[in-house]
Amino acid sequence: MKAKLTVNIDKELILRARVCAHSRGVSLSQLIESALRQVVVAERTSSFSERWRGKFRPARRRDDLSRRLAQKHL
Protein backbone atom coordinates (compact mmCIF):
# COMPACT_ATOMS: atom_id res chain seq x y z
CA MET A 1 0.00 0.00 0.00
CA LYS A 2 1.34 3.42 -0.94
CA ALA A 3 1.12 6.49 1.29
CA LYS A 4 1.81 10.16 0.70
CA LEU A 5 4.76 11.78 2.44
CA THR A 6 5.73 15.43 2.56
CA VAL A 7 9.45 16.20 2.76
CA ASN A 8 11.50 19.37 2.44
CA ILE A 9 14.35 19.09 -0.06
CA ASP A 10 16.74 21.69 -1.47
CA LYS A 11 15.44 23.10 -4.78
CA GLU A 12 18.70 22.44 -6.62
CA LEU A 13 18.67 18.82 -5.48
CA ILE A 14 15.08 18.42 -6.67
CA LEU A 15 16.01 19.72 -10.12
CA ARG A 16 18.99 17.38 -10.36
CA ALA A 17 16.91 14.45 -9.07
CA ARG A 18 14.22 15.11 -11.71
CA VAL A 19 16.87 15.04 -14.44
CA CYS A 20 18.26 11.80 -12.99
CA ALA A 21 14.81 10.22 -12.79
CA HIS A 22 14.00 11.29 -16.36
CA SER A 23 17.27 9.81 -17.66
CA ARG A 24 16.40 6.50 -15.97
CA GLY A 25 12.85 6.55 -17.27
CA VAL A 26 11.23 6.58 -13.83
CA SER A 27 9.23 9.10 -11.85
CA LEU A 28 10.78 11.19 -9.11
CA SER A 29 8.72 9.25 -6.56
CA GLN A 30 10.05 5.94 -7.88
CA LEU A 31 13.62 7.24 -7.76
CA ILE A 32 13.23 8.39 -4.15
CA GLU A 33 11.51 5.15 -3.11
CA SER A 34 14.29 3.11 -4.69
CA ALA A 35 16.97 5.14 -2.89
CA LEU A 36 15.20 4.79 0.45
CA ARG A 37 14.77 1.05 -0.11
CA GLN A 38 18.54 0.71 -0.70
CA VAL A 39 19.29 2.54 2.55
CA VAL A 40 16.89 0.39 4.56
CA VAL A 41 18.19 -2.87 3.08
CA ALA A 42 21.80 -1.81 3.66
CA GLU A 43 21.09 -1.16 7.34
CA ARG A 44 19.27 -4.47 7.73
CA THR A 45 22.11 -6.43 6.15
CA SER A 46 24.82 -7.12 8.67
CA SER A 47 28.44 -6.62 7.75
CA PHE A 48 30.93 -9.44 7.35
CA SER A 49 32.49 -8.69 10.72
CA GLU A 50 29.09 -8.68 12.45
CA ARG A 51 28.19 -12.07 10.93
CA TRP A 52 31.49 -13.70 11.93
CA ARG A 53 32.22 -11.96 15.25
CA GLY A 54 33.02 -14.61 17.85
CA LYS A 55 33.10 -17.52 15.37
CA PHE A 56 36.87 -17.82 14.96
CA ARG A 57 39.06 -19.37 17.63
CA PRO A 58 42.84 -19.18 17.79
CA ALA A 59 44.76 -22.24 16.64
CA ARG A 60 46.37 -24.31 19.40
CA ARG A 61 49.90 -24.31 18.01
CA ARG A 62 53.03 -24.42 20.15
CA ASP A 63 55.72 -23.22 17.73
CA ASP A 64 57.55 -19.92 18.26
CA LEU A 65 56.17 -18.16 15.13
CA SER A 66 52.56 -18.89 16.10
CA ARG A 67 53.19 -17.67 19.63
CA ARG A 68 54.72 -14.37 18.39
CA LEU A 69 51.89 -13.82 15.90
CA ALA A 70 49.30 -14.47 18.60
CA GLN A 71 50.97 -11.98 20.91
CA LYS A 72 51.03 -9.36 18.17
CA HIS A 73 47.51 -9.79 16.78
CA LEU A 74 45.32 -11.28 19.51
PDB file of N, CA and C in Angstrom:
ATOM      1  N   MET A   1       0.835  -1.165   0.000  1.00  0.00           N
ATOM      2  CA  MET A   1       0.000   0.000   0.000  1.00  0.00           C
ATOM      3  C   MET A   1       0.890   1.242   0.000  1.00  0.00           C
ATOM      4  N   LYS A   2       0.582   2.184  -0.828  1.00  0.00           N
ATOM      5  CA  LYS A   2       1.345   3.421  -0.935  1.00  0.00           C
ATOM      6  C   LYS A   2       0.735   4.476  -0.020  1.00  0.00           C
ATOM      7  N   ALA A   3       1.569   5.391   0.458  1.00  0.00           N
ATOM      8  CA  ALA A   3       1.119   6.495   1.293  1.00  0.00           C
ATOM      9  C   ALA A   3       1.844   7.760   0.859  1.00  0.00           C
ATOM     10  N   LYS A   4       1.182   8.877   1.040  1.00  0.00           N
ATOM     11  CA  LYS A   4       1.805  10.159   0.702  1.00  0.00           C
ATOM     12  C   LYS A   4       2.712  10.592   1.830  1.00  0.00           C
ATOM     13  N   LEU A   5       3.789  11.291   1.457  1.00  0.00           N
ATOM     14  CA  LEU A   5       4.757  11.781   2.435  1.00  0.00           C
ATOM     15  C   LEU A   5       5.227  13.150   1.981  1.00  0.00           C
ATOM     16  N   THR A   6       5.240  14.097   2.878  1.00  0.00           N
ATOM     17  CA  THR A   6       5.730  15.434   2.563  1.00  0.00           C
ATOM     18  C   THR A   6       7.125  15.590   3.155  1.00  0.00           C
ATOM     19  N   VAL A   7       8.072  15.976   2.305  1.00  0.00           N
ATOM     20  CA  VAL A   7       9.445  16.204   2.761  1.00  0.00           C
ATOM     21  C   VAL A   7       9.933  17.541   2.218  1.00  0.00           C
ATOM     22  N   ASN A   8      10.885  18.131   2.896  1.00  0.00           N
ATOM     23  CA  ASN A   8      11.500  19.373   2.438  1.00  0.00           C
ATOM     24  C   ASN A   8      12.881  19.055   1.891  1.00  0.00           C
ATOM     25  N   ILE A   9      13.095  19.399   0.619  1.00  0.00           N
ATOM     26  CA  ILE A   9      14.353  19.089  -0.060  1.00  0.00           C
ATOM     27  C   ILE A   9      14.831  20.348  -0.775  1.00  0.00           C
ATOM     28  N   ASP A  10      16.127  20.557  -0.791  1.00  0.00           N
ATOM     29  CA  ASP A  10      16.744  21.691  -1.468  1.00  0.00           C
ATOM     30  C   ASP A  10      16.302  21.739  -2.934  1.00  0.00           C
ATOM     31  N   LYS A  11      15.958  22.946  -3.417  1.00  0.00           N
ATOM     32  CA  LYS A  11      15.445  23.099  -4.784  1.00  0.00           C
ATOM     33  C   LYS A  11      16.421  22.598  -5.835  1.00  0.00           C
ATOM     34  N   GLU A  12      17.698  22.897  -5.655  1.00  0.00           N
ATOM     35  CA  GLU A  12      18.704  22.444  -6.625  1.00  0.00           C
ATOM     36  C   GLU A  12      18.763  20.918  -6.675  1.00  0.00           C
ATOM     37  N   LEU A  13      18.660  20.290  -5.524  1.00  0.00           N
ATOM     38  CA  LEU A  13      18.670  18.822  -5.478  1.00  0.00           C
ATOM     39  C   LEU A  13      17.450  18.247  -6.177  1.00  0.00           C
ATOM     40  N   ILE A  14      16.297  18.891  -6.003  1.00  0.00           N
ATOM     41  CA  ILE A  14      15.079  18.423  -6.672  1.00  0.00           C
ATOM     42  C   ILE A  14      15.257  18.485  -8.183  1.00  0.00           C
ATOM     43  N   LEU A  15      15.799  19.588  -8.675  1.00  0.00           N
ATOM     44  CA  LEU A  15      16.012  19.721 -10.118  1.00  0.00           C
ATOM     45  C   LEU A  15      16.943  18.635 -10.640  1.00  0.00           C
ATOM     46  N   ARG A  16      18.030  18.411  -9.938  1.00  0.00           N
ATOM     47  CA  ARG A  16      18.992  17.375 -10.362  1.00  0.00           C
ATOM     48  C   ARG A  16      18.383  15.980 -10.263  1.00  0.00           C
ATOM     49  N   ALA A  17      17.566  15.755  -9.240  1.00  0.00           N
ATOM     50  CA  ALA A  17      16.910  14.453  -9.073  1.00  0.00           C
ATOM     51  C   ALA A  17      15.898  14.209 -10.188  1.00  0.00           C
ATOM     52  N   ARG A  18      15.177  15.255 -10.601  1.00  0.00           N
ATOM     53  CA  ARG A  18      14.220  15.108 -11.708  1.00  0.00           C
ATOM     54  C   ARG A  18      14.936  14.726 -13.001  1.00  0.00           C
ATOM     55  N   VAL A  19      16.078  15.367 -13.247  1.00  0.00           N
ATOM     56  CA  VAL A  19      16.868  15.040 -14.439  1.00  0.00           C
ATOM     57  C   VAL A  19      17.336  13.587 -14.361  1.00  0.00           C
ATOM     58  N   CYS A  20      17.802  13.184 -13.193  1.00  0.00           N
ATOM     59  CA  CYS A  20      18.263  11.803 -12.994  1.00  0.00           C
ATOM     60  C   CYS A  20      17.122  10.812 -13.212  1.00  0.00           C
ATOM     61  N   ALA A  21      15.965  11.103 -12.640  1.00  0.00           N
ATOM     62  CA  ALA A  21      14.807  10.220 -12.789  1.00  0.00           C
ATOM     63  C   ALA A  21      14.403  10.126 -14.261  1.00  0.00           C
ATOM     64  N   HIS A  22      14.371  11.274 -14.942  1.00  0.00           N
ATOM     65  CA  HIS A  22      14.005  11.286 -16.356  1.00  0.00           C
ATOM     66  C   HIS A  22      14.979  10.446 -17.184  1.00  0.00           C
ATOM     67  N   SER A  23      16.275  10.567 -16.893  1.00  0.00           N
ATOM     68  CA  SER A  23      17.273   9.806 -17.659  1.00  0.00           C
ATOM     69  C   SER A  23      17.147   8.310 -17.423  1.00  0.00           C
ATOM     70  N   ARG A  24      16.611   7.931 -16.275  1.00  0.00           N
ATOM     71  CA  ARG A  24      16.402   6.503 -15.967  1.00  0.00           C
ATOM     72  C   ARG A  24      15.028   6.008 -16.398  1.00  0.00           C
ATOM     73  N   GLY A  25      14.185   6.937 -16.813  1.00  0.00           N
ATOM     74  CA  GLY A  25      12.847   6.547 -17.267  1.00  0.00           C
ATOM     75  C   GLY A  25      11.900   6.203 -16.129  1.00  0.00           C
ATOM     76  N   VAL A  26      12.102   6.825 -14.975  1.00  0.00           N
ATOM     77  CA  VAL A  26      11.225   6.584 -13.829  1.00  0.00           C
ATOM     78  C   VAL A  26      10.738   7.925 -13.295  1.00  0.00           C
ATOM     79  N   SER A  27       9.713   7.874 -12.465  1.00  0.00           N
ATOM     80  CA  SER A  27       9.226   9.105 -11.847  1.00  0.00           C
ATOM     81  C   SER A  27      10.139   9.491 -10.686  1.00  0.00           C
ATOM     82  N   LEU A  28      10.007  10.730 -10.261  1.00  0.00           N
ATOM     83  CA  LEU A  28      10.784  11.191  -9.111  1.00  0.00           C
ATOM     84  C   LEU A  28      10.426  10.383  -7.869  1.00  0.00           C
ATOM     85  N   SER A  29       9.156  10.073  -7.708  1.00  0.00           N
ATOM     86  CA  SER A  29       8.723   9.255  -6.565  1.00  0.00           C
ATOM     87  C   SER A  29       9.367   7.871  -6.591  1.00  0.00           C
ATOM     88  N   GLN A  30       9.421   7.266  -7.772  1.00  0.00           N
ATOM     89  CA  GLN A  30      10.048   5.944  -7.885  1.00  0.00           C
ATOM     90  C   GLN A  30      11.532   6.007  -7.569  1.00  0.00           C
ATOM     91  N   LEU A  31      12.199   7.071  -8.031  1.00  0.00           N
ATOM     92  CA  LEU A  31      13.622   7.238  -7.756  1.00  0.00           C
ATOM     93  C   LEU A  31      13.871   7.365  -6.257  1.00  0.00           C
ATOM     94  N   ILE A  32      13.076   8.189  -5.587  1.00  0.00           N
ATOM     95  CA  ILE A  32      13.230   8.387  -4.148  1.00  0.00           C
ATOM     96  C   ILE A  32      12.914   7.102  -3.389  1.00  0.00           C
ATOM     97  N   GLU A  33      11.853   6.407  -3.775  1.00  0.00           N
ATOM     98  CA  GLU A  33      11.506   5.153  -3.108  1.00  0.00           C
ATOM     99  C   GLU A  33      12.623   4.126  -3.264  1.00  0.00           C
ATOM    100  N   SER A  34      13.200   4.054  -4.449  1.00  0.00           N
ATOM    101  CA  SER A  34      14.293   3.115  -4.691  1.00  0.00           C
ATOM    102  C   SER A  34      15.503   3.444  -3.817  1.00  0.00           C
ATOM    103  N   ALA A  35      15.835   4.733  -3.719  1.00  0.00           N
ATOM    104  CA  ALA A  35      16.971   5.143  -2.890  1.00  0.00           C
ATOM    105  C   ALA A  35      16.721   4.832  -1.419  1.00  0.00           C
ATOM    106  N   LEU A  36      15.526   5.100  -0.938  1.00  0.00           N
ATOM    107  CA  LEU A  36      15.197   4.793   0.455  1.00  0.00           C
ATOM    108  C   LEU A  36      15.229   3.288   0.708  1.00  0.00           C
ATOM    109  N   ARG A  37      14.753   2.527  -0.255  1.00  0.00           N
ATOM    110  CA  ARG A  37      14.773   1.054  -0.111  1.00  0.00           C
ATOM    111  C   ARG A  37      16.205   0.546   0.012  1.00  0.00           C
ATOM    112  N   GLN A  38      17.128   1.108  -0.772  1.00  0.00           N
ATOM    113  CA  GLN A  38      18.536   0.708  -0.696  1.00  0.00           C
ATOM    114  C   GLN A  38      19.124   1.021   0.671  1.00  0.00           C
ATOM    115  N   VAL A  39      18.785   2.167   1.233  1.00  0.00           N
ATOM    116  CA  VAL A  39      19.289   2.544   2.552  1.00  0.00           C
ATOM    117  C   VAL A  39      18.775   1.583   3.611  1.00  0.00           C
ATOM    118  N   VAL A  40      17.491   1.272   3.559  1.00  0.00           N
ATOM    119  CA  VAL A  40      16.887   0.386   4.560  1.00  0.00           C
ATOM    120  C   VAL A  40      17.471  -1.013   4.468  1.00  0.00           C
ATOM    121  N   VAL A  41      17.627  -1.525   3.264  1.00  0.00           N
ATOM    122  CA  VAL A  41      18.188  -2.867   3.078  1.00  0.00           C
ATOM    123  C   VAL A  41      19.636  -2.906   3.545  1.00  0.00           C
ATOM    124  N   ALA A  42      20.396  -1.851   3.255  1.00  0.00           N
ATOM    125  CA  ALA A  42      21.801  -1.809   3.664  1.00  0.00           C
ATOM    126  C   ALA A  42      21.923  -1.824   5.183  1.00  0.00           C
ATOM    127  N   GLU A  43      21.029  -1.162   5.876  1.00  0.00           N
ATOM    128  CA  GLU A  43      21.086  -1.156   7.341  1.00  0.00           C
ATOM    129  C   GLU A  43      20.649  -2.488   7.927  1.00  0.00           C
ATOM    130  N   ARG A  44      19.744  -3.169   7.243  1.00  0.00           N
ATOM    131  CA  ARG A  44      19.271  -4.466   7.730  1.00  0.00           C
ATOM    132  C   ARG A  44      20.304  -5.558   7.519  1.00  0.00           C
ATOM    133  N   THR A  45      21.093  -5.437   6.470  1.00  0.00           N
ATOM    134  CA  THR A  45      22.106  -6.434   6.147  1.00  0.00           C
ATOM    135  C   THR A  45      23.316  -6.222   7.053  1.00  0.00           C
ATOM    136  N   SER A  46      23.674  -7.242   7.773  1.00  0.00           N
ATOM    137  CA  SER A  46      24.819  -7.119   8.674  1.00  0.00           C
ATOM    138  C   SER A  46      26.119  -7.209   7.877  1.00  0.00           C
ATOM    139  N   SER A  47      27.145  -6.605   8.411  1.00  0.00           N
ATOM    140  CA  SER A  47      28.440  -6.618   7.751  1.00  0.00           C
ATOM    141  C   SER A  47      29.121  -7.980   7.958  1.00  0.00           C
ATOM    142  N   PHE A  48      30.177  -8.196   7.219  1.00  0.00           N
ATOM    143  CA  PHE A  48      30.934  -9.440   7.348  1.00  0.00           C
ATOM    144  C   PHE A  48      31.409  -9.632   8.781  1.00  0.00           C
ATOM    145  N   SER A  49      31.957  -8.568   9.360  1.00  0.00           N
ATOM    146  CA  SER A  49      32.492  -8.688  10.721  1.00  0.00           C
ATOM    147  C   SER A  49      31.390  -8.972  11.730  1.00  0.00           C
ATOM    148  N   GLU A  50      30.197  -8.395  11.526  1.00  0.00           N
ATOM    149  CA  GLU A  50      29.091  -8.679  12.446  1.00  0.00           C
ATOM    150  C   GLU A  50      28.646 -10.132  12.345  1.00  0.00           C
ATOM    151  N   ARG A  51      28.619 -10.676  11.110  1.00  0.00           N
ATOM    152  CA  ARG A  51      28.189 -12.073  10.926  1.00  0.00           C
ATOM    153  C   ARG A  51      29.183 -13.057  11.527  1.00  0.00           C
ATOM    154  N   TRP A  52      30.478 -12.748  11.508  1.00  0.00           N
ATOM    155  CA  TRP A  52      31.493 -13.702  11.926  1.00  0.00           C
ATOM    156  C   TRP A  52      32.094 -13.411  13.294  1.00  0.00           C
ATOM    157  N   ARG A  53      31.673 -12.321  13.939  1.00  0.00           N
ATOM    158  CA  ARG A  53      32.225 -11.963  15.249  1.00  0.00           C
ATOM    159  C   ARG A  53      32.010 -13.116  16.230  1.00  0.00           C
ATOM    160  N   GLY A  54      33.101 -13.548  16.855  1.00  0.00           N
ATOM    161  CA  GLY A  54      33.023 -14.610  17.851  1.00  0.00           C
ATOM    162  C   GLY A  54      33.057 -16.019  17.298  1.00  0.00           C
ATOM    163  N   LYS A  55      33.131 -16.178  15.989  1.00  0.00           N
ATOM    164  CA  LYS A  55      33.101 -17.516  15.374  1.00  0.00           C
ATOM    165  C   LYS A  55      34.482 -18.136  15.231  1.00  0.00           C
ATOM    166  N   PHE A  56      35.513 -17.308  15.162  1.00  0.00           N
ATOM    167  CA  PHE A  56      36.866 -17.819  14.963  1.00  0.00           C
ATOM    168  C   PHE A  56      37.565 -18.003  16.308  1.00  0.00           C
ATOM    169  N   ARG A  57      38.291 -19.076  16.417  1.00  0.00           N
ATOM    170  CA  ARG A  57      39.063 -19.374  17.627  1.00  0.00           C
ATOM    171  C   ARG A  57      40.532 -19.499  17.244  1.00  0.00           C
ATOM    172  N   PRO A  58      41.422 -19.068  18.112  1.00  0.00           N
ATOM    173  CA  PRO A  58      42.844 -19.179  17.786  1.00  0.00           C
ATOM    174  C   PRO A  58      43.285 -20.646  17.688  1.00  0.00           C
ATOM    175  N   ALA A  59      44.214 -20.892  16.789  1.00  0.00           N
ATOM    176  CA  ALA A  59      44.757 -22.241  16.639  1.00  0.00           C
ATOM    177  C   ALA A  59      45.585 -22.592  17.871  1.00  0.00           C
ATOM    178  N   ARG A  60      45.621 -23.849  18.217  1.00  0.00           N
ATOM    179  CA  ARG A  60      46.368 -24.315  19.397  1.00  0.00           C
ATOM    180  C   ARG A  60      47.741 -24.819  18.976  1.00  0.00           C
ATOM    181  N   ARG A  61      48.557 -23.939  18.443  1.00  0.00           N
ATOM    182  CA  ARG A  61      49.897 -24.313  18.012  1.00  0.00           C
ATOM    183  C   ARG A  61      50.902 -23.927  19.077  1.00  0.00           C
ATOM    184  N   ARG A  62      52.003 -24.642  19.127  1.00  0.00           N
ATOM    185  CA  ARG A  62      53.025 -24.415  20.150  1.00  0.00           C
ATOM    186  C   ARG A  62      54.321 -23.850  19.601  1.00  0.00           C
ATOM    187  N   ASP A  63      54.437 -23.679  18.278  1.00  0.00           N
ATOM    188  CA  ASP A  63      55.716 -23.217  17.727  1.00  0.00           C
ATOM    189  C   ASP A  63      55.918 -21.719  18.010  1.00  0.00           C
ATOM    190  N   ASP A  64      57.162 -21.283  17.911  1.00  0.00           N
ATOM    191  CA  ASP A  64      57.546 -19.916  18.262  1.00  0.00           C
ATOM    192  C   ASP A  64      56.871 -18.874  17.372  1.00  0.00           C
ATOM    193  N   LEU A  65      56.785 -19.114  16.056  1.00  0.00           N
ATOM    194  CA  LEU A  65      56.167 -18.163  15.131  1.00  0.00           C
ATOM    195  C   LEU A  65      54.692 -17.942  15.483  1.00  0.00           C
ATOM    196  N   SER A  66      53.986 -19.014  15.738  1.00  0.00           N
ATOM    197  CA  SER A  66      52.563 -18.894  16.100  1.00  0.00           C
ATOM    198  C   SER A  66      52.400 -18.123  17.397  1.00  0.00           C
ATOM    199  N   ARG A  67      53.254 -18.364  18.346  1.00  0.00           N
ATOM    200  CA  ARG A  67      53.191 -17.674  19.634  1.00  0.00           C
ATOM    201  C   ARG A  67      53.429 -16.163  19.453  1.00  0.00           C
ATOM    202  N   ARG A  68      54.431 -15.800  18.634  1.00  0.00           N
ATOM    203  CA  ARG A  68      54.716 -14.369  18.389  1.00  0.00           C
ATOM    204  C   ARG A  68      53.572 -13.695  17.625  1.00  0.00           C
ATOM    205  N   LEU A  69      53.017 -14.390  16.638  1.00  0.00           N
ATOM    206  CA  LEU A  69      51.887 -13.820  15.900  1.00  0.00           C
ATOM    207  C   LEU A  69      50.661 -13.628  16.795  1.00  0.00           C
ATOM    208  N   ALA A  70      50.414 -14.587  17.660  1.00  0.00           N
ATOM    209  CA  ALA A  70      49.301 -14.473  18.601  1.00  0.00           C
ATOM    210  C   ALA A  70      49.483 -13.292  19.544  1.00  0.00           C
ATOM    211  N   GLN A  71      50.702 -13.112  20.025  1.00  0.00           N
ATOM    212  CA  GLN A  71      50.971 -11.980  20.907  1.00  0.00           C
ATOM    213  C   GLN A  71      50.757 -10.640  20.200  1.00  0.00           C
ATOM    214  N   LYS A  72      51.129 -10.604  18.928  1.00  0.00           N
ATOM    215  CA  LYS A  72      51.027  -9.362  18.173  1.00  0.00           C
ATOM    216  C   LYS A  72      49.586  -9.044  17.775  1.00  0.00           C
ATOM    217  N   HIS A  73      48.814 -10.046  17.396  1.00  0.00           N
ATOM    218  CA  HIS A  73      47.506  -9.794  16.783  1.00  0.00           C
ATOM    219  C   HIS A  73      46.296 -10.160  17.645  1.00  0.00           C
ATOM    220  N   LEU A  74      46.489 -10.890  18.692  1.00  0.00           N
ATOM    221  CA  LEU A  74      45.324 -11.283  19.512  1.00  0.00           C
ATOM    222  C   LEU A  74      45.286 -10.557  20.825  1.00  0.00           C
TER     223      LEU A  74
END
